[in-house]
Amino acid sequence: MVEAPSFRMICVAVITSIAGSFHFGFNLVLTNPSQEAFLGFMNKTLAKRFDGGLSDNTLQNIWSFVVAILFLGALAGSFSIRLIADWIGRKNGLYISIAVGVLAGGMAIASKFIPLFELYIVSRIVMGWSVSVSLGLSALFLSEASPKQNRGAIGMMTGTCVQLGTVCGSVVAMPQIFGTEELWWLIYATEIGIMLFFGAALPFFPESPGFLIQRGANEAATKSIAFYYNCETDVAQKHLNELKEEQKNSTKKFKMMDVVRKRSLRDKAFIGVVVTFAMSFSGVAVINAFAFEILKDTGLNVLEASLANDAISVVSMISSIVAAVIVDKNGRRPLLLISFSGILVCNLIIFGLMFTFYKFGYHALGFILICFICIFTFFFALGPGPLCYFINAELVGQAARSAAQSWASVIQMLSRFVIVTAFLPMKNQLGEAWSYLILFVAPVAVSLVYLYFSLPETKNKNPFEVEEAIEDLPKFPLCGRSRRVHDRKLSEQMVITRQMQLVEDYGSIESLSYRL
């Protein structure tokens, strides 16, 4: 029977995630319902330099880049996470990311009153760095602080609070609240208040046991374990010995370029990258950034589009909670294949609804579109939403997990940047429906075919079993022969080669034995 997390650990997870990963979701959507306010602010500040202002299409093209630039900052932040985490610790690193987030929010507010739109652009880049580091460090902190039997449930808190951030951001940025040309700066003031309020609770929590053990602070690590595991000192000492043994056995670490150079790592990491790529090109980035505009363009008024945007965010959060319950009860492979299939069907229907509205102008199509975006959101949260963050960890060896996950993070941020930058210009040139079809149907369809023939089941499997699952995958019709090797001697040689490679990936024979 699975033991439920303690109330103390749940409180730690909620506070840490709201101080950290919450702000990633908040910033994903805050420019969505308040887009008209920001466009007005941009036009006014640039009007003096361009003889009265810019055309609507030019403004939208510039704005598309400004929205997307958050992910360039996040990309830089993803390269900083490991350095900060190992240099000053997980909890102290959160102090830095929160401080930088407060600075970025202050810059955004200042840009309103100076006024200087370029300062707002810089604030987006800085905020991107902050939310990326907060997302990574809060997830790492909770992973190391939570008891082993609760890590799945506690780890899902990170994704749940990202979705909670999208709900809060969508509500606060509504035109009926702060999403106006005069009041948009209060959106950032609200975020600063949330950062400071929940960040103020972090000093009451010890540093993560994993970092303290790395630094040789065994006494502090024992106290940290006793706090987070809610146990006595003698029990905490036993857990300390287990964690020390675990770190001792991880004798080798691969860097990001090692994953590219080594074929055995590259092949499995590439599967995880494809999952992340398909997740990014599923359409979720555009729904986060421009759902309000899309709903308005399909016949809804401002209030209807605002409420629908909030409803989509709420469905996303509820779906992430459902996913946390079922993700460990079902295999990774069926969840991903079913969810990507559902996303593909939803995207085709969304394209059809957009195209039909532009052709006939039926107002009711806007409400039908809301339903299918909500269904899309459910499928997203069911599979690629949570699984893209740890499928790499289950595919590659312990020694290469952080490097493989870093590549997945890079792909996600770059993909989101390209998608959000390209969508509005493509919409102005080709129309919203065709832009959606080109960006979000073909990539998901191709990725789905690849994953069907390449993605093994990883749930509760050790490295040898993952390799066997790869051998048992369906063969591609054009490959000519089955993946399974029928020649006994050749099969034995492949098993030995795989075993040697697994030992190398894990860093040592002792580490491999310990993990198995």
Protein backbone atom coordinates (compact mmCIF):
# COMPACT_ATOMS: atom_id res chain seq x y z
CA MET A 1 0.00 0.00 0.00
CA VAL A 2 1.33 3.45 -1.01
CA GLU A 3 1.90 5.76 1.95
CA ALA A 4 0.42 9.23 1.60
CA PRO A 5 2.73 12.24 2.04
CA SER A 6 2.71 13.82 5.49
CA PHE A 7 0.85 17.10 6.02
CA ARG A 8 4.18 18.82 6.67
CA MET A 9 5.62 17.60 3.36
CA ILE A 10 2.49 18.69 1.50
CA CYS A 11 2.80 22.18 3.02
CA VAL A 12 6.49 22.35 2.07
CA ALA A 13 5.65 21.24 -1.48
CA VAL A 14 2.85 23.80 -1.88
CA ILE A 15 4.85 26.73 -0.47
CA THR A 16 8.01 25.85 -2.42
CA SER A 17 6.10 25.34 -5.68
CA ILE A 18 4.15 28.60 -5.35
CA ALA A 19 7.38 30.43 -4.56
CA GLY A 20 8.99 28.72 -7.57
CA SER A 21 7.22 26.87 -10.40
CA PHE A 22 3.93 28.79 -10.00
CA HIS A 23 5.50 31.82 -11.69
CA PHE A 24 6.36 29.89 -14.84
CA GLY A 25 2.65 29.25 -15.42
CA PHE A 26 1.74 32.80 -14.38
CA ASN A 27 4.07 34.33 -16.98
CA LEU A 28 3.00 31.91 -19.71
CA VAL A 29 -0.50 33.42 -19.77
CA LEU A 30 -0.43 36.93 -18.31
CA THR A 31 0.01 38.53 -21.76
CA ASN A 32 -2.86 36.47 -23.20
CA PRO A 33 -6.09 38.19 -22.04
CA SER A 34 -4.32 41.55 -21.62
CA GLN A 35 -2.84 41.62 -25.13
CA GLU A 36 -4.81 44.69 -26.26
CA ALA A 37 -3.55 46.66 -23.23
CA PHE A 38 0.07 45.82 -24.03
CA LEU A 39 -0.41 46.59 -27.73
CA GLY A 40 -1.81 50.00 -26.80
CA PHE A 41 1.12 50.66 -24.45
CA MET A 42 3.60 49.60 -27.15
CA ASN A 43 1.95 51.75 -29.81
CA LYS A 44 1.94 54.84 -27.60
CA THR A 45 5.58 54.52 -26.60
CA LEU A 46 6.73 53.87 -30.18
CA ALA A 47 4.45 56.47 -31.81
CA LYS A 48 6.88 59.34 -31.20
CA ARG A 49 9.63 57.51 -33.09
CA PHE A 50 7.53 56.34 -36.03
CA ASP A 51 5.48 59.44 -36.88
CA GLY A 52 2.22 58.55 -35.23
CA GLY A 53 2.47 54.83 -34.65
CA LEU A 54 2.67 51.49 -36.44
CA SER A 55 0.17 49.41 -38.38
CA ASP A 56 -1.80 46.71 -36.58
CA ASN A 57 0.04 43.91 -38.40
CA THR A 58 3.44 45.39 -37.53
CA LEU A 59 2.41 45.80 -33.91
CA GLN A 60 1.23 42.18 -33.74
CA ASN A 61 4.45 40.90 -35.33
CA ILE A 62 6.57 42.83 -32.82
CA TRP A 63 4.32 41.74 -29.97
CA SER A 64 4.63 38.09 -31.01
CA PHE A 65 8.41 38.37 -30.61
CA VAL A 66 8.06 40.16 -27.26
CA VAL A 67 5.81 37.36 -25.92
CA ALA A 68 8.23 34.71 -27.21
CA ILE A 69 11.36 36.37 -25.83
CA LEU A 70 10.41 35.07 -22.38
CA PHE A 71 11.62 31.66 -23.60
CA LEU A 72 15.05 33.00 -24.62
CA GLY A 73 15.53 34.10 -21.03
CA ALA A 74 14.19 30.73 -19.90
CA LEU A 75 16.68 28.99 -22.20
CA ALA A 76 19.55 30.84 -20.54
CA GLY A 77 18.05 29.94 -17.17
CA SER A 78 17.95 26.24 -18.02
CA PHE A 79 21.74 26.29 -18.49
CA SER A 80 22.13 28.03 -15.12
CA ILE A 81 20.13 25.62 -12.94
CA ARG A 82 22.82 23.02 -12.35
CA LEU A 83 25.52 25.66 -11.73
CA ILE A 84 23.41 27.51 -9.15
CA ALA A 85 22.15 24.31 -7.50
CA ASP A 86 25.67 22.93 -6.99
CA TRP A 87 27.23 26.28 -6.10
CA ILE A 88 24.97 27.68 -3.36
CA GLY A 89 22.30 25.00 -2.92
CA ARG A 90 18.72 24.39 -3.96
CA LYS A 91 16.98 26.58 -1.38
CA ASN A 92 19.49 29.45 -1.58
CA GLY A 93 19.20 29.27 -5.36
CA LEU A 94 15.48 29.90 -5.01
CA TYR A 95 16.30 33.10 -3.13
CA ILE A 96 18.30 34.27 -6.14
CA SER A 97 15.60 33.36 -8.66
CA ILE A 98 12.93 35.10 -6.56
CA ALA A 99 15.09 38.21 -6.18
CA VAL A 100 15.68 38.33 -9.94
CA GLY A 101 11.94 37.80 -10.50
CA VAL A 102 11.15 40.75 -8.23
CA LEU A 103 13.71 42.83 -10.14
CA ALA A 104 12.13 41.83 -13.48
CA GLY A 105 8.65 42.67 -12.20
CA GLY A 106 9.93 46.03 -10.98
CA MET A 107 11.44 46.72 -14.40
CA ALA A 108 8.10 45.93 -16.07
CA ILE A 109 6.28 48.32 -13.72
CA ALA A 110 8.90 51.03 -14.27
CA SER A 111 8.55 50.67 -18.06
CA LYS A 112 4.90 51.68 -17.71
CA PHE A 113 5.61 54.94 -15.88
CA ILE A 114 8.81 56.08 -17.66
CA PRO A 115 7.40 55.03 -20.29
CA LEU A 116 9.90 52.86 -22.19
CA PHE A 117 8.80 49.77 -24.07
CA GLU A 118 12.39 48.55 -24.54
CA LEU A 119 12.66 48.27 -20.75
CA TYR A 120 9.61 46.02 -20.78
CA ILE A 121 11.30 43.77 -23.36
CA VAL A 122 14.37 43.48 -21.12
CA SER A 123 12.10 42.67 -18.17
CA ARG A 124 10.61 39.75 -20.17
CA ILE A 125 14.07 38.29 -20.77
CA VAL A 126 15.07 38.66 -17.12
CA MET A 127 11.75 37.21 -15.96
CA GLY A 128 12.27 34.25 -18.31
CA TRP A 129 15.59 33.49 -16.63
CA SER A 130 13.99 33.78 -13.19
CA VAL A 131 10.99 31.52 -13.83
CA SER A 132 13.13 28.88 -15.55
CA VAL A 133 15.55 28.69 -12.63
CA SER A 134 12.65 28.71 -10.14
CA LEU A 135 10.96 25.86 -12.00
CA GLY A 136 14.12 23.74 -12.09
CA LEU A 137 15.28 24.41 -8.54
CA SER A 138 11.88 23.92 -6.91
CA ALA A 139 11.50 20.55 -8.67
CA LEU A 140 15.03 19.51 -7.66
CA PHE A 141 14.55 20.70 -4.08
CA LEU A 142 11.30 18.74 -3.63
CA SER A 143 12.77 15.64 -5.27
CA GLU A 144 15.63 15.59 -2.76
CA ALA A 145 13.59 16.63 0.27
CA SER A 146 10.67 14.21 -0.10
CA PRO A 147 10.75 10.58 1.09
CA LYS A 148 11.34 8.07 -1.69
CA GLN A 149 7.84 6.57 -1.47
CA ASN A 150 6.24 10.00 -1.92
CA ARG A 151 8.45 11.47 -4.63
CA GLY A 152 5.97 10.82 -7.43
CA ALA A 153 3.06 12.56 -5.69
CA ILE A 154 5.21 15.42 -4.36
CA GLY A 155 6.96 15.81 -7.70
CA MET A 156 3.63 16.28 -9.47
CA MET A 157 3.05 19.31 -7.23
CA THR A 158 5.50 21.21 -9.45
CA GLY A 159 3.35 20.67 -12.54
CA THR A 160 0.13 21.29 -10.63
CA CYS A 161 1.38 24.67 -9.39
CA VAL A 162 2.45 25.59 -12.94
CA GLN A 163 -1.18 25.03 -13.92
CA LEU A 164 -2.35 26.97 -10.84
CA GLY A 165 -0.15 29.81 -12.06
CA THR A 166 -1.93 29.77 -15.44
CA VAL A 167 -5.29 30.01 -13.66
CA CYS A 168 -4.21 32.97 -11.50
CA GLY A 169 -2.48 34.70 -14.41
CA SER A 170 -5.55 34.31 -16.64
CA VAL A 171 -7.85 35.75 -13.96
CA VAL A 172 -5.65 38.66 -12.85
CA ALA A 173 -4.91 39.69 -16.46
CA MET A 174 -8.58 39.76 -17.54
CA PRO A 175 -9.60 43.10 -19.11
CA GLN A 176 -12.30 43.28 -16.43
CA ILE A 177 -9.63 43.23 -13.67
CA PHE A 178 -6.05 44.44 -14.36
CA GLY A 179 -5.74 43.73 -18.10
CA THR A 180 -6.25 47.33 -19.21
CA GLU A 181 -3.85 49.92 -20.58
CA GLU A 182 -3.91 51.86 -17.31
CA LEU A 183 -3.80 48.96 -14.82
CA TRP A 184 -1.65 46.22 -16.45
CA TRP A 185 1.29 47.10 -14.19
CA LEU A 186 -0.77 45.75 -11.25
CA ILE A 187 -0.45 42.26 -12.80
CA TYR A 188 3.28 42.40 -12.06
CA ALA A 189 2.69 44.02 -8.68
CA THR A 190 0.46 41.05 -7.80
CA GLU A 191 3.14 38.59 -8.89
CA ILE A 192 5.81 40.39 -6.85
CA GLY A 193 3.54 40.20 -3.80
CA ILE A 194 3.05 36.43 -4.27
CA MET A 195 6.81 35.91 -4.71
CA LEU A 196 7.67 37.82 -1.55
CA PHE A 197 4.88 36.32 0.57
CA PHE A 198 5.69 32.68 -0.15
CA GLY A 199 9.43 33.31 -0.46
CA ALA A 200 9.36 34.63 3.10
CA ALA A 201 8.46 31.11 4.29
CA LEU A 202 11.52 29.45 2.74
CA PRO A 203 13.95 30.41 5.59
CA PHE A 204 11.92 28.16 7.90
CA PHE A 205 12.78 25.10 5.79
CA PRO A 206 16.17 23.34 5.95
CA GLU A 207 18.29 22.92 2.83
CA SER A 208 17.69 19.69 0.92
CA PRO A 209 19.44 16.59 2.36
CA GLY A 210 21.02 15.78 -1.00
CA PHE A 211 22.93 19.07 -1.19
CA LEU A 212 24.00 18.92 2.46
CA ILE A 213 25.40 15.41 1.95
CA GLN A 214 27.32 16.63 -1.10
CA ARG A 215 28.90 19.30 1.09
CA GLY A 216 29.73 16.80 3.84
CA ALA A 217 27.39 18.46 6.36
CA ASN A 218 26.14 15.17 7.81
CA GLU A 219 24.72 16.62 11.03
CA ALA A 220 22.72 19.25 9.15
CA ALA A 221 21.62 16.59 6.65
CA THR A 222 20.33 14.40 9.49
CA LYS A 223 18.28 17.29 10.88
CA SER A 224 16.98 18.06 7.40
CA ILE A 225 15.87 14.45 6.90
CA ALA A 226 14.21 14.40 10.32
CA PHE A 227 12.28 17.56 9.38
CA TYR A 228 11.13 16.50 5.92
CA TYR A 229 10.56 12.81 6.67
CA ASN A 230 8.89 13.72 10.00
CA CYS A 231 10.87 11.03 11.83
CA GLU A 232 13.14 10.56 14.84
CA THR A 233 16.92 11.12 14.73
CA ASP A 234 17.83 7.41 14.67
CA VAL A 235 15.50 6.79 11.72
CA ALA A 236 16.86 9.89 10.01
CA GLN A 237 20.38 8.47 10.44
CA LYS A 238 19.37 5.32 8.56
CA HIS A 239 17.94 7.39 5.72
CA LEU A 240 21.14 9.45 5.71
CA ASN A 241 23.22 6.31 5.20
CA GLU A 242 20.99 5.24 2.30
CA LEU A 243 21.30 8.64 0.62
CA LYS A 244 25.07 8.67 1.11
CA GLU A 245 25.30 5.20 -0.44
CA GLU A 246 23.16 6.36 -3.36
CA GLN A 247 25.41 9.35 -4.04
CA LYS A 248 28.54 7.25 -3.59
CA ASN A 249 27.37 4.79 -6.22
CA SER A 250 26.71 7.53 -8.76
CA THR A 251 30.38 7.66 -9.64
CA LYS A 252 30.14 9.15 -13.12
CA LYS A 253 28.28 12.06 -14.66
CA PHE A 254 27.88 12.71 -18.37
CA LYS A 255 27.75 16.25 -19.73
CA MET A 256 25.36 17.45 -22.42
CA MET A 257 27.84 16.92 -25.27
CA ASP A 258 28.57 13.40 -24.03
CA VAL A 259 24.93 12.55 -24.70
CA VAL A 260 25.37 13.70 -28.30
CA ARG A 261 28.63 11.80 -28.83
CA LYS A 262 27.63 8.44 -27.28
CA ARG A 263 25.20 6.58 -29.54
CA SER A 264 23.66 4.49 -26.77
CA LEU A 265 22.77 7.62 -24.82
CA ARG A 266 21.90 9.68 -27.89
CA ASP A 267 19.34 7.18 -29.20
CA LYS A 268 17.40 6.99 -25.93
CA ALA A 269 17.72 10.70 -25.17
CA PHE A 270 16.40 11.44 -28.66
CA ILE A 271 13.19 9.55 -27.85
CA GLY A 272 12.68 11.85 -24.85
CA VAL A 273 13.49 14.88 -27.00
CA VAL A 274 10.82 13.82 -29.52
CA VAL A 275 8.28 13.60 -26.68
CA THR A 276 9.24 17.15 -25.64
CA PHE A 277 9.17 18.36 -29.25
CA ALA A 278 5.70 16.89 -29.82
CA MET A 279 4.52 18.40 -26.53
CA SER A 280 5.80 21.85 -27.57
CA PHE A 281 4.27 21.59 -31.08
CA SER A 282 0.99 20.21 -29.77
CA GLY A 283 -0.47 23.72 -29.74
CA VAL A 284 -0.29 24.29 -26.00
CA ALA A 285 2.20 27.17 -26.37
CA VAL A 286 -0.18 29.13 -28.59
CA ILE A 287 -3.18 28.31 -26.39
CA ASN A 288 -1.23 29.62 -23.37
CA ALA A 289 -0.14 32.77 -25.22
CA PHE A 290 -3.03 33.59 -27.58
CA ALA A 291 -6.18 31.64 -26.58
CA PHE A 292 -8.00 34.88 -25.76
CA GLU A 293 -7.25 36.28 -29.24
CA ILE A 294 -8.20 32.99 -30.95
CA LEU A 295 -11.55 32.86 -29.14
CA LYS A 296 -12.30 36.49 -30.01
CA ASP A 297 -11.50 35.76 -33.66
CA THR A 298 -14.11 32.97 -33.65
CA GLY A 299 -17.00 35.20 -32.65
CA LEU A 300 -16.84 35.58 -28.85
CA ASN A 301 -16.98 39.00 -27.22
CA VAL A 302 -14.37 40.20 -24.72
CA LEU A 303 -16.21 38.93 -21.62
CA GLU A 304 -17.01 35.54 -23.18
CA ALA A 305 -13.42 35.10 -24.36
CA SER A 306 -12.08 36.11 -20.91
CA LEU A 307 -14.30 33.64 -19.05
CA ALA A 308 -13.56 30.89 -21.58
CA ASN A 309 -9.83 31.49 -21.20
CA ASP A 310 -10.19 31.15 -17.42
CA ALA A 311 -12.21 27.95 -17.86
CA ILE A 312 -9.49 26.45 -20.07
CA SER A 313 -6.90 27.18 -17.37
CA VAL A 314 -9.09 25.61 -14.67
CA VAL A 315 -9.59 22.48 -16.79
CA SER A 316 -5.83 22.32 -17.27
CA MET A 317 -5.23 22.42 -13.51
CA ILE A 318 -7.91 19.81 -12.76
CA SER A 319 -6.50 17.58 -15.50
CA SER A 320 -3.00 17.82 -14.01
CA ILE A 321 -4.41 16.62 -10.66
CA VAL A 322 -6.11 13.68 -12.42
CA ALA A 323 -2.83 12.92 -14.20
CA ALA A 324 -1.00 12.84 -10.85
CA VAL A 325 -3.39 10.09 -9.73
CA ILE A 326 -3.21 7.89 -12.82
CA VAL A 327 0.36 8.45 -14.06
CA ASP A 328 1.79 5.71 -11.81
CA LYS A 329 -1.15 3.34 -12.35
CA ASN A 330 -0.78 3.13 -16.13
CA GLY A 331 2.17 2.63 -18.45
CA ARG A 332 4.01 5.60 -19.94
CA ARG A 333 3.77 4.28 -23.51
CA PRO A 334 -0.06 3.91 -23.68
CA LEU A 335 -0.60 7.24 -21.89
CA LEU A 336 1.61 9.10 -24.36
CA LEU A 337 0.28 7.37 -27.47
CA ILE A 338 -3.36 7.80 -26.42
CA SER A 339 -2.90 11.44 -25.38
CA PHE A 340 -1.00 12.42 -28.55
CA SER A 341 -3.66 10.68 -30.65
CA GLY A 342 -6.34 12.66 -28.80
CA ILE A 343 -4.37 15.89 -29.27
CA LEU A 344 -4.03 15.19 -33.02
CA VAL A 345 -7.78 14.63 -33.41
CA CYS A 346 -8.56 17.75 -31.35
CA ASN A 347 -6.19 19.86 -33.45
CA LEU A 348 -7.87 18.68 -36.66
CA ILE A 349 -11.29 19.57 -35.20
CA ILE A 350 -10.01 22.96 -33.96
CA PHE A 351 -8.70 23.68 -37.48
CA GLY A 352 -12.08 22.67 -38.93
CA LEU A 353 -13.97 24.94 -36.54
CA MET A 354 -11.70 27.91 -37.29
CA PHE A 355 -11.96 27.35 -41.05
CA THR A 356 -15.76 26.95 -40.91
CA PHE A 357 -16.18 30.14 -38.86
CA TYR A 358 -14.14 32.20 -41.33
CA LYS A 359 -16.22 30.78 -44.17
CA PHE A 360 -19.72 31.03 -42.65
CA GLY A 361 -19.36 33.16 -39.47
CA TYR A 362 -21.56 31.03 -37.19
CA HIS A 363 -21.34 32.50 -33.68
CA ALA A 364 -22.07 29.14 -32.01
CA LEU A 365 -18.79 27.74 -33.37
CA GLY A 366 -16.91 29.82 -30.80
CA PHE A 367 -18.56 27.92 -27.94
CA ILE A 368 -17.92 24.56 -29.62
CA LEU A 369 -14.27 25.63 -29.97
CA ILE A 370 -14.10 26.21 -26.21
CA CYS A 371 -15.23 22.61 -25.60
CA PHE A 372 -12.59 21.13 -27.89
CA ILE A 373 -9.81 23.31 -26.48
CA CYS A 374 -10.80 22.00 -23.03
CA ILE A 375 -10.70 18.41 -24.35
CA PHE A 376 -7.32 19.17 -25.91
CA THR A 377 -6.12 20.48 -22.54
CA PHE A 378 -7.28 17.29 -20.83
CA PHE A 379 -5.33 15.08 -23.24
CA PHE A 380 -2.27 17.30 -22.84
CA ALA A 381 -2.34 17.05 -19.04
CA LEU A 382 -3.01 13.32 -19.24
CA GLY A 383 0.24 12.47 -21.02
CA PRO A 384 2.88 14.85 -22.44
CA GLY A 385 2.26 17.58 -19.83
CA PRO A 386 3.66 15.66 -16.83
CA LEU A 387 5.55 12.86 -18.61
CA CYS A 388 7.86 15.06 -20.68
CA TYR A 389 9.56 16.13 -17.44
CA PHE A 390 10.69 12.65 -16.39
CA ILE A 391 10.48 10.25 -19.37
CA ASN A 392 14.16 10.97 -20.08
CA ALA A 393 15.08 9.97 -16.54
CA GLU A 394 13.50 6.56 -17.11
CA LEU A 395 15.08 6.03 -20.54
CA VAL A 396 18.77 6.81 -19.88
CA GLY A 397 21.19 5.75 -17.14
CA GLN A 398 21.52 7.63 -13.86
CA ALA A 399 24.83 9.13 -14.93
CA ALA A 400 23.27 10.82 -17.99
CA ARG A 401 19.86 11.81 -16.65
CA SER A 402 20.53 15.47 -15.91
CA ALA A 403 22.30 15.96 -19.25
CA ALA A 404 19.49 14.30 -21.21
CA GLN A 405 16.88 16.33 -19.34
CA SER A 406 18.83 19.51 -20.10
CA TRP A 407 18.59 18.76 -23.82
CA ALA A 408 14.84 18.20 -23.46
CA SER A 409 14.56 21.56 -21.68
CA VAL A 410 16.55 23.30 -24.43
CA ILE A 411 14.28 21.80 -27.10
CA GLN A 412 11.17 22.87 -25.19
CA MET A 413 12.27 26.49 -24.75
CA LEU A 414 13.53 26.85 -28.34
CA SER A 415 10.36 25.27 -29.73
CA ARG A 416 8.13 27.55 -27.68
CA PHE A 417 10.15 30.57 -28.79
CA VAL A 418 9.83 29.64 -32.48
CA ILE A 419 6.11 28.83 -32.21
CA VAL A 420 5.07 31.95 -30.31
CA THR A 421 7.24 34.18 -32.54
CA ALA A 422 5.86 32.69 -35.76
CA PHE A 423 2.15 32.31 -34.97
CA LEU A 424 0.88 35.90 -35.25
CA PRO A 425 2.89 36.72 -38.42
CA MET A 426 1.68 33.44 -39.99
CA LYS A 427 -1.86 34.25 -38.92
CA ASN A 428 -1.67 37.64 -40.63
CA GLN A 429 -0.35 36.08 -43.84
CA LEU A 430 -2.17 32.74 -44.07
CA GLY A 431 -5.08 33.07 -41.69
CA GLU A 432 -5.50 31.59 -38.23
CA ALA A 433 -6.92 28.23 -39.34
CA TRP A 434 -4.17 27.35 -41.83
CA SER A 435 -1.45 28.57 -39.47
CA TYR A 436 -2.80 26.27 -36.76
CA LEU A 437 -2.94 23.32 -39.18
CA ILE A 438 0.65 23.80 -40.41
CA LEU A 439 2.20 24.31 -36.97
CA PHE A 440 0.33 21.77 -34.83
CA VAL A 441 -0.95 18.89 -36.95
CA ALA A 442 1.99 17.66 -39.05
CA PRO A 443 4.58 17.73 -36.19
CA VAL A 444 2.28 15.80 -33.83
CA ALA A 445 1.38 13.25 -36.53
CA VAL A 446 5.03 12.57 -37.44
CA SER A 447 6.07 12.39 -33.78
CA LEU A 448 3.20 10.00 -33.01
CA VAL A 449 4.34 7.59 -35.74
CA TYR A 450 7.95 7.76 -34.53
CA LEU A 451 6.98 7.15 -30.89
CA TYR A 452 4.77 4.19 -31.81
CA PHE A 453 7.80 2.41 -33.29
CA SER A 454 10.49 3.77 -30.91
CA LEU A 455 9.07 4.49 -27.42
CA PRO A 456 9.45 1.55 -25.00
CA GLU A 457 7.46 1.06 -21.82
CA THR A 458 9.54 2.34 -18.88
CA LYS A 459 7.17 2.07 -15.91
CA ASN A 460 8.84 0.10 -13.07
CA LYS A 461 11.51 -1.23 -15.46
CA ASN A 462 15.22 -1.48 -14.80
CA PRO A 463 17.70 -0.64 -17.58
CA PHE A 464 17.90 -4.23 -18.88
CA GLU A 465 14.12 -4.45 -19.11
CA VAL A 466 13.95 -1.13 -20.99
CA GLU A 467 16.41 -2.52 -23.54
CA GLU A 468 14.29 -5.64 -23.92
CA ALA A 469 11.19 -3.48 -24.34
CA ILE A 470 12.96 -1.62 -27.17
CA GLU A 471 13.69 -4.95 -28.86
CA ASP A 472 10.01 -5.93 -28.57
CA LEU A 473 8.62 -2.78 -30.18
CA PRO A 474 6.59 -3.13 -33.41
CA LYS A 475 8.72 -3.02 -36.54
CA PHE A 476 8.35 -0.24 -39.07
CA PRO A 477 6.84 -1.69 -42.27
CA LEU A 478 9.74 -0.49 -44.43
CA CYS A 479 12.47 -1.83 -42.15
CA GLY A 480 12.40 -5.24 -43.78
CA ARG A 481 12.83 -7.37 -40.66
CA SER A 482 11.84 -7.47 -37.01
CA ARG A 483 13.82 -5.66 -34.35
CA ARG A 484 14.18 -8.92 -32.46
CA VAL A 485 17.35 -10.79 -33.37
CA HIS A 486 16.66 -14.48 -33.77
CA ASP A 487 20.22 -15.68 -34.08
CA ARG A 488 21.12 -16.96 -30.59
CA LYS A 489 24.85 -16.15 -30.67
CA LEU A 490 24.25 -12.70 -32.06
CA SER A 491 21.52 -12.14 -29.46
CA GLU A 492 23.88 -13.15 -26.64
CA GLN A 493 26.56 -10.81 -27.96
CA MET A 494 24.06 -7.95 -28.06
CA VAL A 495 22.98 -8.65 -24.47
CA ILE A 496 26.61 -8.60 -23.27
CA THR A 497 27.28 -5.38 -25.20
CA ARG A 498 24.16 -3.82 -23.70
CA GLN A 499 25.16 -4.86 -20.20
CA MET A 500 28.60 -3.29 -20.60
CA GLN A 501 27.04 -0.13 -21.95
CA LEU A 502 24.59 0.05 -19.03
CA VAL A 503 27.46 -0.30 -16.57
CA GLU A 504 29.23 2.57 -18.31
CA ASP A 505 26.08 4.72 -18.33
CA TYR A 506 25.56 4.18 -14.60
CA GLY A 507 29.17 4.87 -13.77
CA SER A 508 30.18 1.61 -12.06
CA ILE A 509 29.14 -2.00 -11.53
CA GLU A 510 28.23 -1.16 -7.93
CA SER A 511 26.02 1.69 -9.06
CA LEU A 512 24.23 -0.52 -11.57
CA SER A 513 23.71 -3.27 -8.99
CA TYR A 514 22.44 -0.72 -6.46
CA ARG A 515 19.93 0.74 -8.95
CA LEU A 516 18.64 -2.67 -9.97
